[in-house]
Amino acid sequence: MTWFAVRSTYAVSGDDGSKNTYCERVVLFDLAESDDLLGAAETESTELLSLNPHYERIGEFCAFQLGAHLETMNGAEVWCNLFEGPEGPQEFLAQRYESWELEEEVG
């Protein structure tokens, strides 16, 4: 078994609409095959959304392979952060992630 972490990002709807709030989560999965990872992430995210109807997943999953079997902790959240600001969902993603992407080296 191998540990994987998956980051997902959510827009959180507020009451007055004056600020936009975002939640980033990283959860762990202990899986035999990396082919099962996106399905496991989708199932966990769907459960979160059912418990938090004011959340909307934005962007794509970002997956990381962490290492060999330690203990079973499937779906355990290892990091979560909320953001507030005037940006809409696409602006938030661009500012938070795309502006920091490394460019491919040529040659």
N, C-alpha and C. Protein backbone atom coordinates (compact mmCIF):
# COMPACT_ATOMS: atom_id res chain seq x y z
N MET A 1 0.84 -1.18 0.00
CA MET A 1 0.00 0.00 0.00
C MET A 1 0.89 1.25 0.00
N THR A 2 0.39 2.27 -0.64
CA THR A 2 1.13 3.53 -0.76
C THR A 2 0.24 4.68 -0.33
N TRP A 3 0.84 5.65 0.34
CA TRP A 3 0.11 6.85 0.75
C TRP A 3 0.10 7.88 -0.36
N PHE A 4 -1.06 8.47 -0.58
CA PHE A 4 -1.23 9.57 -1.52
C PHE A 4 -1.94 10.71 -0.81
N ALA A 5 -1.67 11.93 -1.22
CA ALA A 5 -2.38 13.10 -0.72
C ALA A 5 -3.04 13.78 -1.91
N VAL A 6 -4.25 14.27 -1.71
CA VAL A 6 -4.97 14.97 -2.76
C VAL A 6 -5.45 16.31 -2.22
N ARG A 7 -5.10 17.38 -2.94
CA ARG A 7 -5.59 18.70 -2.58
C ARG A 7 -6.80 19.04 -3.43
N SER A 8 -7.82 19.60 -2.78
CA SER A 8 -8.99 20.09 -3.50
C SER A 8 -9.30 21.48 -2.98
N THR A 9 -9.97 22.27 -3.81
CA THR A 9 -10.27 23.66 -3.49
C THR A 9 -11.77 23.89 -3.63
N TYR A 10 -12.32 24.63 -2.69
CA TYR A 10 -13.76 24.87 -2.64
C TYR A 10 -14.05 26.36 -2.48
N ALA A 11 -15.07 26.84 -3.18
CA ALA A 11 -15.62 28.16 -2.94
C ALA A 11 -16.71 27.98 -1.89
N VAL A 12 -16.73 28.86 -0.90
CA VAL A 12 -17.70 28.78 0.19
C VAL A 12 -18.63 29.97 0.06
N SER A 13 -19.91 29.70 -0.16
CA SER A 13 -20.86 30.80 -0.32
C SER A 13 -21.19 31.40 1.04
N GLY A 14 -21.23 32.73 1.07
CA GLY A 14 -21.54 33.43 2.32
C GLY A 14 -22.94 33.98 2.31
N ASP A 15 -23.32 34.60 3.41
CA ASP A 15 -24.65 35.15 3.55
C ASP A 15 -24.84 36.46 2.81
N ASP A 16 -23.87 37.38 2.92
CA ASP A 16 -24.09 38.71 2.36
C ASP A 16 -23.40 38.95 1.02
N GLY A 17 -22.53 38.06 0.58
CA GLY A 17 -21.88 38.19 -0.72
C GLY A 17 -20.81 39.26 -0.79
N SER A 18 -20.43 39.87 0.34
CA SER A 18 -19.43 40.94 0.30
C SER A 18 -18.01 40.42 0.17
N LYS A 19 -17.76 39.18 0.57
CA LYS A 19 -16.43 38.58 0.47
C LYS A 19 -16.57 37.19 -0.11
N ASN A 20 -15.52 36.75 -0.76
CA ASN A 20 -15.46 35.38 -1.26
C ASN A 20 -14.54 34.59 -0.35
N THR A 21 -14.98 33.43 0.06
CA THR A 21 -14.20 32.57 0.95
C THR A 21 -13.90 31.28 0.22
N TYR A 22 -12.67 30.78 0.41
CA TYR A 22 -12.23 29.56 -0.25
C TYR A 22 -11.63 28.62 0.78
N CYS A 23 -11.80 27.36 0.55
CA CYS A 23 -11.25 26.33 1.42
C CYS A 23 -10.37 25.42 0.57
N GLU A 24 -9.14 25.22 1.02
CA GLU A 24 -8.25 24.25 0.39
C GLU A 24 -8.10 23.11 1.38
N ARG A 25 -8.18 21.88 0.88
CA ARG A 25 -8.04 20.71 1.73
C ARG A 25 -7.04 19.75 1.11
N VAL A 26 -6.30 19.07 1.97
CA VAL A 26 -5.42 17.98 1.55
C VAL A 26 -5.81 16.77 2.40
N VAL A 27 -6.17 15.68 1.74
CA VAL A 27 -6.55 14.46 2.44
C VAL A 27 -5.64 13.32 2.01
N LEU A 28 -5.47 12.36 2.90
CA LEU A 28 -4.60 11.20 2.66
C LEU A 28 -5.41 9.99 2.23
N PHE A 29 -4.79 9.19 1.36
CA PHE A 29 -5.38 7.93 0.93
C PHE A 29 -4.29 6.87 0.93
N ASP A 30 -4.59 5.71 1.48
CA ASP A 30 -3.69 4.56 1.52
C ASP A 30 -4.23 3.55 0.52
N LEU A 31 -3.61 3.47 -0.66
CA LEU A 31 -4.16 2.68 -1.76
C LEU A 31 -3.13 1.72 -2.32
N ALA A 32 -3.61 0.62 -2.86
CA ALA A 32 -2.73 -0.35 -3.50
C ALA A 32 -2.30 0.14 -4.88
N GLU A 33 -3.17 0.87 -5.57
CA GLU A 33 -2.91 1.31 -6.93
C GLU A 33 -3.20 2.80 -7.07
N SER A 34 -2.33 3.52 -7.75
CA SER A 34 -2.59 4.94 -7.98
C SER A 34 -3.80 5.14 -8.90
N ASP A 35 -4.16 4.10 -9.67
CA ASP A 35 -5.33 4.19 -10.56
C ASP A 35 -6.62 4.42 -9.78
N ASP A 36 -6.65 4.06 -8.49
CA ASP A 36 -7.84 4.22 -7.66
C ASP A 36 -7.92 5.60 -7.02
N LEU A 37 -6.88 6.42 -7.17
CA LEU A 37 -6.77 7.66 -6.42
C LEU A 37 -7.85 8.69 -6.75
N LEU A 38 -8.07 8.97 -8.01
CA LEU A 38 -9.06 10.00 -8.36
C LEU A 38 -10.47 9.58 -7.97
N GLY A 39 -10.79 8.30 -8.08
CA GLY A 39 -12.10 7.82 -7.64
C GLY A 39 -12.27 7.99 -6.13
N ALA A 40 -11.23 7.68 -5.38
CA ALA A 40 -11.28 7.84 -3.92
C ALA A 40 -11.41 9.32 -3.56
N ALA A 41 -10.68 10.17 -4.26
CA ALA A 41 -10.76 11.62 -4.01
C ALA A 41 -12.15 12.16 -4.34
N GLU A 42 -12.72 11.70 -5.43
CA GLU A 42 -14.06 12.13 -5.83
C GLU A 42 -15.10 11.70 -4.79
N THR A 43 -15.00 10.48 -4.29
CA THR A 43 -15.93 9.98 -3.27
C THR A 43 -15.82 10.81 -2.00
N GLU A 44 -14.60 11.08 -1.55
CA GLU A 44 -14.40 11.86 -0.33
C GLU A 44 -14.92 13.28 -0.51
N SER A 45 -14.67 13.89 -1.67
CA SER A 45 -15.13 15.25 -1.95
C SER A 45 -16.65 15.32 -2.00
N THR A 46 -17.26 14.32 -2.62
CA THR A 46 -18.73 14.28 -2.69
C THR A 46 -19.33 14.19 -1.30
N GLU A 47 -18.71 13.42 -0.41
CA GLU A 47 -19.19 13.33 0.97
C GLU A 47 -19.06 14.69 1.67
N LEU A 48 -17.93 15.37 1.49
CA LEU A 48 -17.75 16.70 2.08
C LEU A 48 -18.83 17.66 1.58
N LEU A 49 -19.09 17.63 0.28
CA LEU A 49 -20.10 18.52 -0.30
C LEU A 49 -21.49 18.21 0.23
N SER A 50 -21.78 16.96 0.49
CA SER A 50 -23.10 16.61 1.02
C SER A 50 -23.26 17.12 2.45
N LEU A 51 -22.15 17.24 3.18
CA LEU A 51 -22.19 17.74 4.56
C LEU A 51 -22.10 19.26 4.62
N ASN A 52 -21.67 19.89 3.54
CA ASN A 52 -21.47 21.33 3.48
C ASN A 52 -22.10 21.89 2.21
N PRO A 53 -23.41 22.07 2.19
CA PRO A 53 -24.09 22.49 0.97
C PRO A 53 -23.69 23.88 0.47
N HIS A 54 -23.02 24.66 1.29
CA HIS A 54 -22.55 25.98 0.87
C HIS A 54 -21.15 25.93 0.24
N TYR A 55 -20.61 24.73 0.06
CA TYR A 55 -19.32 24.54 -0.62
C TYR A 55 -19.56 24.16 -2.07
N GLU A 56 -18.66 24.62 -2.93
CA GLU A 56 -18.65 24.22 -4.34
C GLU A 56 -17.20 23.93 -4.72
N ARG A 57 -16.93 22.74 -5.22
CA ARG A 57 -15.56 22.42 -5.61
C ARG A 57 -15.21 23.20 -6.87
N ILE A 58 -14.04 23.83 -6.85
CA ILE A 58 -13.56 24.58 -8.01
C ILE A 58 -12.18 24.03 -8.38
N GLY A 59 -11.84 24.13 -9.64
CA GLY A 59 -10.54 23.63 -10.07
C GLY A 59 -10.49 22.11 -10.10
N GLU A 60 -9.30 21.60 -10.25
CA GLU A 60 -9.09 20.16 -10.36
C GLU A 60 -8.37 19.64 -9.13
N PHE A 61 -8.45 18.34 -8.91
CA PHE A 61 -7.68 17.71 -7.84
C PHE A 61 -6.19 17.83 -8.17
N CYS A 62 -5.37 17.95 -7.13
CA CYS A 62 -3.92 17.92 -7.28
C CYS A 62 -3.42 16.78 -6.40
N ALA A 63 -2.80 15.77 -6.99
CA ALA A 63 -2.43 14.56 -6.26
C ALA A 63 -0.92 14.45 -6.08
N PHE A 64 -0.53 13.88 -4.94
CA PHE A 64 0.87 13.67 -4.60
C PHE A 64 1.03 12.25 -4.07
N GLN A 65 2.09 11.58 -4.45
CA GLN A 65 2.42 10.29 -3.85
C GLN A 65 3.33 10.55 -2.66
N LEU A 66 2.96 10.01 -1.49
CA LEU A 66 3.71 10.31 -0.27
C LEU A 66 4.67 9.22 0.14
N GLY A 67 4.30 7.97 0.01
CA GLY A 67 5.23 6.92 0.42
C GLY A 67 4.54 5.62 0.77
N ALA A 68 5.31 4.74 1.39
CA ALA A 68 4.85 3.38 1.68
C ALA A 68 3.87 3.34 2.84
N HIS A 69 3.23 2.21 2.99
CA HIS A 69 2.21 1.96 4.02
C HIS A 69 2.74 2.29 5.42
N LEU A 70 1.97 3.10 6.15
CA LEU A 70 2.31 3.42 7.54
C LEU A 70 1.22 2.89 8.47
N GLU A 71 0.08 3.50 8.48
CA GLU A 71 -1.12 3.07 9.19
C GLU A 71 -2.30 3.51 8.34
N THR A 72 -3.44 2.90 8.54
CA THR A 72 -4.59 3.29 7.74
C THR A 72 -5.15 4.62 8.25
N MET A 73 -5.19 5.60 7.35
CA MET A 73 -5.73 6.92 7.66
C MET A 73 -6.49 7.45 6.44
N ASN A 74 -7.15 6.59 5.71
CA ASN A 74 -7.84 6.99 4.49
C ASN A 74 -8.79 8.16 4.74
N GLY A 75 -8.67 9.17 3.91
CA GLY A 75 -9.56 10.32 3.98
C GLY A 75 -9.27 11.29 5.11
N ALA A 76 -8.19 11.09 5.86
CA ALA A 76 -7.86 12.00 6.95
C ALA A 76 -7.39 13.33 6.38
N GLU A 77 -7.95 14.42 6.89
CA GLU A 77 -7.53 15.74 6.43
C GLU A 77 -6.20 16.08 7.09
N VAL A 78 -5.23 16.50 6.29
CA VAL A 78 -3.92 16.84 6.84
C VAL A 78 -3.64 18.34 6.76
N TRP A 79 -4.45 19.07 6.02
CA TRP A 79 -4.28 20.51 5.93
C TRP A 79 -5.54 21.12 5.36
N CYS A 80 -5.96 22.25 5.90
CA CYS A 80 -7.13 22.96 5.41
C CYS A 80 -6.92 24.44 5.71
N ASN A 81 -7.26 25.30 4.76
CA ASN A 81 -7.10 26.72 4.95
C ASN A 81 -8.24 27.44 4.25
N LEU A 82 -8.85 28.40 4.92
CA LEU A 82 -9.90 29.22 4.33
C LEU A 82 -9.31 30.56 3.89
N PHE A 83 -9.78 31.06 2.77
CA PHE A 83 -9.34 32.36 2.27
C PHE A 83 -10.54 33.26 2.08
N GLU A 84 -10.37 34.54 2.36
CA GLU A 84 -11.43 35.52 2.16
C GLU A 84 -10.88 36.65 1.32
N GLY A 85 -11.67 37.15 0.39
CA GLY A 85 -11.23 38.28 -0.42
C GLY A 85 -12.23 38.59 -1.51
N PRO A 86 -11.94 39.60 -2.31
CA PRO A 86 -12.89 40.04 -3.34
C PRO A 86 -12.86 39.20 -4.62
N GLU A 87 -11.87 38.33 -4.79
CA GLU A 87 -11.73 37.57 -6.03
C GLU A 87 -12.86 36.58 -6.23
N GLY A 88 -13.25 36.40 -7.50
CA GLY A 88 -14.16 35.33 -7.86
C GLY A 88 -13.39 34.02 -7.97
N PRO A 89 -14.08 32.88 -8.20
CA PRO A 89 -13.41 31.58 -8.22
C PRO A 89 -12.23 31.49 -9.19
N GLN A 90 -12.40 31.92 -10.42
CA GLN A 90 -11.32 31.79 -11.40
C GLN A 90 -10.15 32.71 -11.08
N GLU A 91 -10.45 33.92 -10.59
CA GLU A 91 -9.39 34.84 -10.20
C GLU A 91 -8.61 34.30 -9.00
N PHE A 92 -9.34 33.70 -8.05
CA PHE A 92 -8.68 33.12 -6.89
C PHE A 92 -7.71 32.02 -7.32
N LEU A 93 -8.17 31.10 -8.17
CA LEU A 93 -7.31 30.01 -8.62
C LEU A 93 -6.09 30.53 -9.36
N ALA A 94 -6.30 31.51 -10.24
CA ALA A 94 -5.17 32.07 -11.01
C ALA A 94 -4.17 32.74 -10.08
N GLN A 95 -4.65 33.53 -9.15
CA GLN A 95 -3.76 34.24 -8.22
C GLN A 95 -3.04 33.27 -7.30
N ARG A 96 -3.76 32.29 -6.78
CA ARG A 96 -3.20 31.40 -5.78
C ARG A 96 -2.27 30.35 -6.38
N TYR A 97 -2.59 29.85 -7.58
CA TYR A 97 -1.83 28.73 -8.12
C TYR A 97 -1.14 29.00 -9.44
N GLU A 98 -1.85 29.58 -10.38
CA GLU A 98 -1.28 29.72 -11.71
C GLU A 98 -0.16 30.73 -11.77
N SER A 99 -0.19 31.75 -10.93
CA SER A 99 0.89 32.74 -10.95
C SER A 99 2.18 32.18 -10.40
N TRP A 100 2.13 31.03 -9.74
CA TRP A 100 3.31 30.43 -9.13
C TRP A 100 3.76 29.16 -9.87
N GLU A 101 3.13 28.84 -10.97
CA GLU A 101 3.53 27.66 -11.73
C GLU A 101 4.90 27.87 -12.37
N LEU A 102 5.70 26.83 -12.36
CA LEU A 102 7.01 26.89 -12.99
C LEU A 102 6.85 26.72 -14.50
N GLU A 103 7.62 27.47 -15.24
CA GLU A 103 7.61 27.33 -16.69
C GLU A 103 8.53 26.19 -17.08
N GLU A 104 8.15 25.49 -18.15
CA GLU A 104 8.98 24.40 -18.64
C GLU A 104 10.26 24.95 -19.21
N GLU A 105 11.34 24.21 -18.92
CA GLU A 105 12.64 24.61 -19.47
C GLU A 105 12.71 24.18 -20.92
N VAL A 106 13.25 25.02 -21.75
CA VAL A 106 13.41 24.71 -23.18
C VAL A 106 14.87 24.37 -23.44
N GLY A 107 15.07 23.27 -24.17
CA GLY A 107 16.43 22.92 -24.58
C GLY A 107 17.05 21.98 -23.72
